[in-house]
Amino acid sequence: MATVSYYTRVTFEFSDDPPSVADVSKIVKSWLETQKFYAVEDVLGDFVRGWTKGQVDFSDLVSQDIEGIMACVSAHYPEMSFYVRGMGEEFKDVWLRQFEGGKAVFTLGPFEEIGE
Protein backbone atom coordinates (compact mmCIF):
# COMPACT_ATOMS: atom_id res chain seq x y z
CA MET A 1 0.00 0.00 0.00
CA ALA A 2 1.27 3.49 -0.86
CA THR A 3 2.13 5.89 1.91
CA VAL A 4 -0.64 8.44 2.49
CA SER A 5 -0.28 11.73 4.37
CA TYR A 6 -2.97 14.12 5.50
CA TYR A 7 -0.58 17.07 5.59
CA THR A 8 0.81 17.71 2.14
CA ARG A 9 2.94 20.50 0.69
CA VAL A 10 1.86 21.07 -2.90
CA THR A 11 3.49 23.14 -5.62
CA PHE A 12 1.75 24.20 -8.83
CA GLU A 13 3.41 25.00 -12.16
CA PHE A 14 1.85 25.76 -15.53
CA SER A 15 2.83 25.44 -19.20
CA ASP A 16 1.53 28.98 -19.82
CA ASP A 17 0.16 31.85 -17.77
CA PRO A 18 -2.27 30.26 -15.31
CA PRO A 19 -5.98 30.99 -15.45
CA SER A 20 -7.17 33.64 -13.03
CA VAL A 21 -7.60 32.58 -9.43
CA ALA A 22 -11.18 33.94 -9.49
CA ASP A 23 -12.14 31.63 -12.37
CA VAL A 24 -10.34 28.61 -10.95
CA SER A 25 -11.73 29.09 -7.44
CA LYS A 26 -15.29 28.79 -8.80
CA ILE A 27 -14.39 25.47 -10.44
CA VAL A 28 -12.70 24.16 -7.29
CA LYS A 29 -15.55 25.25 -5.01
CA SER A 30 -18.07 23.47 -7.22
CA TRP A 31 -15.96 20.29 -7.23
CA LEU A 32 -15.53 20.36 -3.45
CA GLU A 33 -19.27 20.82 -2.92
CA THR A 34 -20.08 18.01 -5.36
CA GLN A 35 -17.69 15.72 -3.48
CA LYS A 36 -19.33 16.80 -0.18
CA PHE A 37 -16.12 18.01 1.45
CA TYR A 38 -16.72 19.10 5.02
CA ALA A 39 -14.63 22.30 5.10
CA VAL A 40 -15.15 23.71 1.62
CA GLU A 41 -14.21 27.31 2.48
CA ASP A 42 -11.06 26.25 4.37
CA VAL A 43 -9.86 23.99 1.56
CA LEU A 44 -10.75 26.63 -1.01
CA GLY A 45 -8.80 29.27 0.92
CA ASP A 46 -5.73 27.02 0.99
CA PHE A 47 -6.11 26.26 -2.70
CA VAL A 48 -6.37 29.96 -3.61
CA ARG A 49 -3.20 30.71 -1.62
CA GLY A 50 -1.40 27.88 -3.38
CA TRP A 51 -2.61 28.90 -6.83
CA THR A 52 -1.52 32.49 -6.18
CA LYS A 53 1.86 31.75 -4.57
CA GLY A 54 2.69 28.49 -6.37
CA GLN A 55 2.87 26.49 -3.12
CA VAL A 56 0.60 25.62 -0.21
CA ASP A 57 0.40 23.23 2.71
CA PHE A 58 -2.89 21.32 2.74
CA SER A 59 -4.18 19.51 5.79
CA ASP A 60 -6.70 16.67 5.71
CA LEU A 61 -6.33 16.15 1.95
CA VAL A 62 -4.67 13.09 0.48
CA SER A 63 -3.01 12.98 -2.92
CA GLN A 64 -6.18 11.54 -4.51
CA ASP A 65 -8.19 14.57 -3.34
CA ILE A 66 -5.69 17.00 -4.84
CA GLU A 67 -5.55 14.93 -8.02
CA GLY A 68 -9.36 15.11 -8.30
CA ILE A 69 -9.32 18.88 -7.89
CA MET A 70 -6.64 19.33 -10.53
CA ALA A 71 -8.25 16.94 -13.02
CA CYS A 72 -11.42 19.03 -12.76
CA VAL A 73 -9.53 22.30 -13.26
CA SER A 74 -7.60 20.81 -16.16
CA ALA A 75 -10.82 19.75 -17.90
CA HIS A 76 -11.82 23.43 -18.08
CA TYR A 77 -8.47 24.41 -19.66
CA PRO A 78 -7.66 21.49 -22.01
CA GLU A 79 -4.96 23.34 -23.94
CA MET A 80 -2.81 23.94 -20.85
CA SER A 81 -0.56 21.60 -18.90
CA PHE A 82 -0.70 21.75 -15.11
CA TYR A 83 2.17 20.30 -13.07
CA VAL A 84 1.55 19.37 -9.45
CA ARG A 85 4.17 18.15 -6.99
CA GLY A 86 3.20 16.87 -3.56
CA MET A 87 5.24 16.01 -0.51
CA GLY A 88 3.44 14.59 2.52
CA GLU A 89 4.57 14.43 6.11
CA GLU A 90 5.55 10.78 5.61
CA PHE A 91 9.07 10.51 4.16
CA LYS A 92 8.04 8.28 1.24
CA ASP A 93 4.90 10.25 0.39
CA VAL A 94 6.14 12.16 -2.64
CA TRP A 95 4.33 12.32 -5.95
CA LEU A 96 4.15 14.18 -9.26
CA ARG A 97 1.25 14.70 -11.65
CA GLN A 98 0.94 16.38 -15.04
CA PHE A 99 -2.61 17.16 -16.17
CA GLU A 100 -3.84 17.89 -19.67
CA GLY A 101 -7.43 17.94 -20.87
CA GLY A 102 -8.81 16.79 -17.53
CA LYS A 103 -6.58 13.74 -17.23
CA ALA A 104 -3.32 12.88 -15.52
CA VAL A 105 -0.95 12.27 -18.44
CA PHE A 106 2.06 11.65 -16.20
CA THR A 107 2.02 10.16 -12.71
CA LEU A 108 4.77 9.21 -10.30
CA GLY A 109 4.19 8.12 -6.70
CA PRO A 110 3.13 8.01 -3.97
CA PHE A 111 5.38 5.03 -3.51
CA GLU A 112 4.87 1.57 -2.05
CA GLU A 113 7.01 0.63 0.89
CA ILE A 114 9.40 -2.27 0.39
CA GLY A 115 7.96 -5.49 1.76
CA GLU A 116 4.31 -4.45 1.42
C-alpha atoms as a PDB file:
ATOM      1  CA  MET A   1       0.000   0.000   0.000  1.00  0.00           C
ATOM      2  CA  ALA A   2       1.268   3.488  -0.864  1.00  0.00           C
ATOM      3  CA  THR A   3       2.126   5.893   1.907  1.00  0.00           C
ATOM      4  CA  VAL A   4      -0.643   8.438   2.492  1.00  0.00           C
ATOM      5  CA  SER A   5      -0.283  11.726   4.375  1.00  0.00           C
ATOM      6  CA  TYR A   6      -2.971  14.116   5.498  1.00  0.00           C
ATOM      7  CA  TYR A   7      -0.577  17.067   5.586  1.00  0.00           C
ATOM      8  CA  THR A   8       0.808  17.713   2.141  1.00  0.00           C
ATOM      9  CA  ARG A   9       2.940  20.499   0.687  1.00  0.00           C
ATOM     10  CA  VAL A  10       1.858  21.067  -2.901  1.00  0.00           C
ATOM     11  CA  THR A  11       3.486  23.137  -5.621  1.00  0.00           C
ATOM     12  CA  PHE A  12       1.746  24.199  -8.830  1.00  0.00           C
ATOM     13  CA  GLU A  13       3.411  24.998 -12.160  1.00  0.00           C
ATOM     14  CA  PHE A  14       1.851  25.763 -15.533  1.00  0.00           C
ATOM     15  CA  SER A  15       2.827  25.439 -19.197  1.00  0.00           C
ATOM     16  CA  ASP A  16       1.531  28.981 -19.824  1.00  0.00           C
ATOM     17  CA  ASP A  17       0.156  31.852 -17.775  1.00  0.00           C
ATOM     18  CA  PRO A  18      -2.268  30.264 -15.307  1.00  0.00           C
ATOM     19  CA  PRO A  19      -5.984  30.987 -15.448  1.00  0.00           C
ATOM     20  CA  SER A  20      -7.168  33.643 -13.026  1.00  0.00           C
ATOM     21  CA  VAL A  21      -7.596  32.578  -9.426  1.00  0.00           C
ATOM     22  CA  ALA A  22     -11.175  33.938  -9.492  1.00  0.00           C
ATOM     23  CA  ASP A  23     -12.143  31.625 -12.370  1.00  0.00           C
ATOM     24  CA  VAL A  24     -10.341  28.609 -10.949  1.00  0.00           C
ATOM     25  CA  SER A  25     -11.726  29.094  -7.438  1.00  0.00           C
ATOM     26  CA  LYS A  26     -15.294  28.788  -8.804  1.00  0.00           C
ATOM     27  CA  ILE A  27     -14.389  25.472 -10.440  1.00  0.00           C
ATOM     28  CA  VAL A  28     -12.699  24.164  -7.291  1.00  0.00           C
ATOM     29  CA  LYS A  29     -15.549  25.251  -5.010  1.00  0.00           C
ATOM     30  CA  SER A  30     -18.074  23.469  -7.217  1.00  0.00           C
ATOM     31  CA  TRP A  31     -15.959  20.292  -7.234  1.00  0.00           C
ATOM     32  CA  LEU A  32     -15.527  20.358  -3.449  1.00  0.00           C
ATOM     33  CA  GLU A  33     -19.269  20.822  -2.920  1.00  0.00           C
ATOM     34  CA  THR A  34     -20.084  18.013  -5.362  1.00  0.00           C
ATOM     35  CA  GLN A  35     -17.689  15.722  -3.477  1.00  0.00           C
ATOM     36  CA  LYS A  36     -19.329  16.803  -0.183  1.00  0.00           C
ATOM     37  CA  PHE A  37     -16.118  18.015   1.454  1.00  0.00           C
ATOM     38  CA  TYR A  38     -16.717  19.099   5.021  1.00  0.00           C
ATOM     39  CA  ALA A  39     -14.629  22.299   5.100  1.00  0.00           C
ATOM     40  CA  VAL A  40     -15.147  23.714   1.625  1.00  0.00           C
ATOM     41  CA  GLU A  41     -14.214  27.310   2.483  1.00  0.00           C
ATOM     42  CA  ASP A  42     -11.058  26.253   4.370  1.00  0.00           C
ATOM     43  CA  VAL A  43      -9.860  23.987   1.561  1.00  0.00           C
ATOM     44  CA  LEU A  44     -10.747  26.629  -1.014  1.00  0.00           C
ATOM     45  CA  GLY A  45      -8.799  29.267   0.925  1.00  0.00           C
ATOM     46  CA  ASP A  46      -5.730  27.016   0.995  1.00  0.00           C
ATOM     47  CA  PHE A  47      -6.110  26.256  -2.705  1.00  0.00           C
ATOM     48  CA  VAL A  48      -6.369  29.955  -3.610  1.00  0.00           C
ATOM     49  CA  ARG A  49      -3.205  30.707  -1.616  1.00  0.00           C
ATOM     50  CA  GLY A  50      -1.397  27.884  -3.376  1.00  0.00           C
ATOM     51  CA  TRP A  51      -2.607  28.901  -6.828  1.00  0.00           C
ATOM     52  CA  THR A  52      -1.523  32.488  -6.181  1.00  0.00           C
ATOM     53  CA  LYS A  53       1.860  31.747  -4.571  1.00  0.00           C
ATOM     54  CA  GLY A  54       2.693  28.491  -6.366  1.00  0.00           C
ATOM     55  CA  GLN A  55       2.872  26.493  -3.122  1.00  0.00           C
ATOM     56  CA  VAL A  56       0.599  25.622  -0.214  1.00  0.00           C
ATOM     57  CA  ASP A  57       0.402  23.225   2.712  1.00  0.00           C
ATOM     58  CA  PHE A  58      -2.886  21.321   2.742  1.00  0.00           C
ATOM     59  CA  SER A  59      -4.181  19.506   5.792  1.00  0.00           C
ATOM     60  CA  ASP A  60      -6.705  16.668   5.711  1.00  0.00           C
ATOM     61  CA  LEU A  61      -6.329  16.151   1.951  1.00  0.00           C
ATOM     62  CA  VAL A  62      -4.668  13.086   0.480  1.00  0.00           C
ATOM     63  CA  SER A  63      -3.011  12.984  -2.924  1.00  0.00           C
ATOM     64  CA  GLN A  64      -6.176  11.543  -4.508  1.00  0.00           C
ATOM     65  CA  ASP A  65      -8.189  14.574  -3.341  1.00  0.00           C
ATOM     66  CA  ILE A  66      -5.692  17.002  -4.835  1.00  0.00           C
ATOM     67  CA  GLU A  67      -5.555  14.929  -8.017  1.00  0.00           C
ATOM     68  CA  GLY A  68      -9.358  15.110  -8.298  1.00  0.00           C
ATOM     69  CA  ILE A  69      -9.321  18.877  -7.895  1.00  0.00           C
ATOM     70  CA  MET A  70      -6.642  19.335 -10.532  1.00  0.00           C
ATOM     71  CA  ALA A  71      -8.250  16.942 -13.018  1.00  0.00           C
ATOM     72  CA  CYS A  72     -11.425  19.026 -12.758  1.00  0.00           C
ATOM     73  CA  VAL A  73      -9.533  22.297 -13.262  1.00  0.00           C
ATOM     74  CA  SER A  74      -7.595  20.806 -16.160  1.00  0.00           C
ATOM     75  CA  ALA A  75     -10.822  19.752 -17.902  1.00  0.00           C
ATOM     76  CA  HIS A  76     -11.816  23.430 -18.076  1.00  0.00           C
ATOM     77  CA  TYR A  77      -8.465  24.405 -19.665  1.00  0.00           C
ATOM     78  CA  PRO A  78      -7.658  21.486 -22.009  1.00  0.00           C
ATOM     79  CA  GLU A  79      -4.961  23.344 -23.944  1.00  0.00           C
ATOM     80  CA  MET A  80      -2.813  23.938 -20.854  1.00  0.00           C
ATOM     81  CA  SER A  81      -0.558  21.599 -18.896  1.00  0.00           C
ATOM     82  CA  PHE A  82      -0.695  21.748 -15.110  1.00  0.00           C
ATOM     83  CA  TYR A  83       2.168  20.304 -13.065  1.00  0.00           C
ATOM     84  CA  VAL A  84       1.550  19.373  -9.450  1.00  0.00           C
ATOM     85  CA  ARG A  85       4.169  18.154  -6.987  1.00  0.00           C
ATOM     86  CA  GLY A  86       3.197  16.866  -3.560  1.00  0.00           C
ATOM     87  CA  MET A  87       5.240  16.013  -0.508  1.00  0.00           C
ATOM     88  CA  GLY A  88       3.441  14.588   2.516  1.00  0.00           C
ATOM     89  CA  GLU A  89       4.571  14.427   6.107  1.00  0.00           C
ATOM     90  CA  GLU A  90       5.549  10.779   5.610  1.00  0.00           C
ATOM     91  CA  PHE A  91       9.067  10.511   4.164  1.00  0.00           C
ATOM     92  CA  LYS A  92       8.039   8.276   1.242  1.00  0.00           C
ATOM     93  CA  ASP A  93       4.899  10.251   0.394  1.00  0.00           C
ATOM     94  CA  VAL A  94       6.140  12.157  -2.643  1.00  0.00           C
ATOM     95  CA  TRP A  95       4.325  12.319  -5.949  1.00  0.00           C
ATOM     96  CA  LEU A  96       4.145  14.183  -9.260  1.00  0.00           C
ATOM     97  CA  ARG A  97       1.248  14.704 -11.654  1.00  0.00           C
ATOM     98  CA  GLN A  98       0.935  16.378 -15.041  1.00  0.00           C
ATOM     99  CA  PHE A  99      -2.607  17.155 -16.175  1.00  0.00           C
ATOM    100  CA  GLU A 100      -3.842  17.894 -19.670  1.00  0.00           C
ATOM    101  CA  GLY A 101      -7.429  17.939 -20.871  1.00  0.00           C
ATOM    102  CA  GLY A 102      -8.810  16.793 -17.533  1.00  0.00           C
ATOM    103  CA  LYS A 103      -6.584  13.737 -17.234  1.00  0.00           C
ATOM    104  CA  ALA A 104      -3.322  12.884 -15.521  1.00  0.00           C
ATOM    105  CA  VAL A 105      -0.950  12.266 -18.437  1.00  0.00           C
ATOM    106  CA  PHE A 106       2.063  11.652 -16.198  1.00  0.00           C
ATOM    107  CA  THR A 107       2.018  10.164 -12.711  1.00  0.00           C
ATOM    108  CA  LEU A 108       4.774   9.214 -10.305  1.00  0.00           C
ATOM    109  CA  GLY A 109       4.189   8.120  -6.701  1.00  0.00           C
ATOM    110  CA  PRO A 110       3.126   8.006  -3.969  1.00  0.00           C
ATOM    111  CA  PHE A 111       5.385   5.031  -3.511  1.00  0.00           C
ATOM    112  CA  GLU A 112       4.873   1.573  -2.046  1.00  0.00           C
ATOM    113  CA  GLU A 113       7.007   0.628   0.893  1.00  0.00           C
ATOM    114  CA  ILE A 114       9.398  -2.272   0.387  1.00  0.00           C
ATOM    115  CA  GLY A 115       7.961  -5.491   1.756  1.00  0.00           C
ATOM    116  CA  GLU A 116       4.309  -4.452   1.423  1.00  0.00           C
END
